[in-house]
Amino acid sequence: MALDAIAVSASVKELKNALVGGRIDKIYQPLKDEIIFSVRANGDNRKVLLSANPSHPRIHFTKIQKDNPMTAPMFCMVLRKYIAGSKITDVYQPNFERMVVIETEGLNELGDMSVKKLIIEIMGKYSNIMLVDENGRILDCIKRVSHETSSVREVLPGKEYSLPPSQGKLNPLETDFEEFKKTADGKKGSKAMQFIYQSYRGISPSAASEMAFRAGVDPTAHMEEISEEELENIYSSFKNVFDDVKNGKYYPQIIYNGENDKIIDFSVMEMTQYKGCKFKHFEDISSLLEEFYSERDSAYHIAQKAHDMHKVVLTNIERCVKKKEIQLKTEEDTKDMDIWRLKGELITANIYAVEEGAKTIKAINYYDENMPVIEISLDPTLTPSENAQRYYNKYNKAKRTLAALEIQKKQNDEELAYLESVLTAIEIAADDADLKDIRDELTEQGFMKRKYGKKTPRTKKSKPMHFVSSDGIDIYVGKSNTQNDELTLKFAQPHNIWLHTKNTPGSHVIIDVNGLDELPDNTLLEAANLACCYSKAKEGTNVAVDYALRKFVRKPNGAKPGMVIYDHNYSVYVTPDEKKAKEMTEIK
């Protein structure tokens, strides 16, 4: 879910208590829609993350270390110029909207004290981060919105800052029962939960559903079905929630599905509607948001940066599939080639019995022990010899086509398998370094053009994932085809165990047996599970994973990256369990 105004109010309370009176120190912009700055306050140094990511906008304290670009983006430079070293004087949430204002004061270029406002609007795809001066003018923003983009509200440097357009919703902190009842009367036809979140600003559907549920009312019940008493109960639970907000009482928690431990939702209010679910409680809202969003945020940015590669790979996979269909049709068209040769030979054997201008000839098939009589079509405009030659030519052409087809099929199948392995590598890429490896590989293989004249930002070298099994044995997992080659052919020792999903694109996995006389079954199964989880078969059941000594794995001459052959192998069958894979100790 996205942050609603209730969760934002929890963040504001936490930020205000810790930041007011502190000074902004270092400012970074690790991503195009994300700012991180550190604040020295009360003898402590804390980092604040502001994200205008359209899928995961938010503001909270963070402890995650992120790589920063070598050259700071323009918006980051503007922030450094105007608010680095400034004192934070207030943090607040205007009108219970999904936005946060951080007020600062510091000396300007002339040495005079000036006030600046750092504003983050947490509004889905319209999310933005802006720096506004004491006169209400926008100094700069992380997303510039021109008149061509939006005729409703321009967000550009030099423009006067205005609040986002109102949707006509009421402030839930300032309502009473009379207003609540009057608003409900105008919402006939709506469901109870819809009435709440469509009438009052900053309330998410799940929070509205919880308010109705606490009142003993079905959240999906229509308003005309709800009695006066039930409406009073809904208002009572509504008021209790916002009394907690006014008093700064929050209950940060993540809700998990009780069966598969998948995240359902998060909330800062007690959620009683999720029966049979698991709850993880947090001391503060920042810890909750850090855990909830970090993985999703990373996945979003990886998907954005990998978009062009993903498109190139899918386009080429589609091309290979179409080529395969054509090859199968060609095979079908040439399946009668031996009959064409036979007809040519039978015409030659009966050449003197063929009448000039005949359209057919009946001949005994001497090649069949039953010697049946077959009818052969002729072209009446050709001589008997030319008709025989016509069948020979069809046979020889089909024979040449079939010979070339075998080579083309092998090449196409290999390319298709390679592209599917690249697609799997893109899906499991964890950072920019992984994506760079894949991009370089696709460029080397001719699927992408090399970019000239543009400096590529330096990134740390991508390394294979390193896990430790429950038996304390090292397991390594490759994340790209070139990395798979390095891991298997250069890093692994001949006596190490190599694993890979059978006939399915995926990562190479190496178990470093390190002189062990016997490999524990648990370690083998854990390594096989990793091989499944980092493969195309991660959603499968009872997946076959081949394993062999590394010395029995080799790379054919001319094979594409990641493509190997092996023998002396065995198989183990496992059902992928991502939860177990995540629980394994990973060495960073």
Foldseek 3Di string as FASTA:
>chain_A
DEAFLLLLLQQQVVCFVFAAFWAWAAWADQDLFKIKIWTCDPNDIWIWIAGQALAYGDIHTDDDDGDGFPDGDPVRVVCCQPRHGWGFHHWDDPLSAQKIKTKTWDAHPVRDIWIKIWMWHRDRNPTWTFIATPVQFTQAISDFADCVRPVPDGDGGGDHDDDDDDPQAHALLPDDLVVLVVLLVVQFVAFQLCSVPVRHGRADSQNSCQLLVQLVHHRRHTSVVDDPSSSVSSVVSSVVSVVCSVVSQWWWKWKAQLPQRHTDGIGRHDGPPDPNIDIDTDPGSNVNSCVVCVQVVLLVVLCVVCVVVLVLLVVVLVVLVVVVVVLVVLCVVLPCLVVLLQVLVQLVVCLVVDDQLDQKDWGFRPVDPVRDIDIDGAHNVDHSNVRSVVSVVSSVVSVVVVVVSVVVNVVSVLSSQQSQLLSLLSNPDRDPQSVVVSVVQCCVVPSDPDDPPDDDGDDDHDAWWWFAFPVRWIKTKARHLQNQCCVLVPVDDQQWKWKAFPPWRFIIMTTRCPPDPDDDPRVVQLRNLVRCCSTPNLQPAFTKMKMDGSNQWADDPPRRGNDIDGDPIDIDTGRHRVVSNVPTGIDD
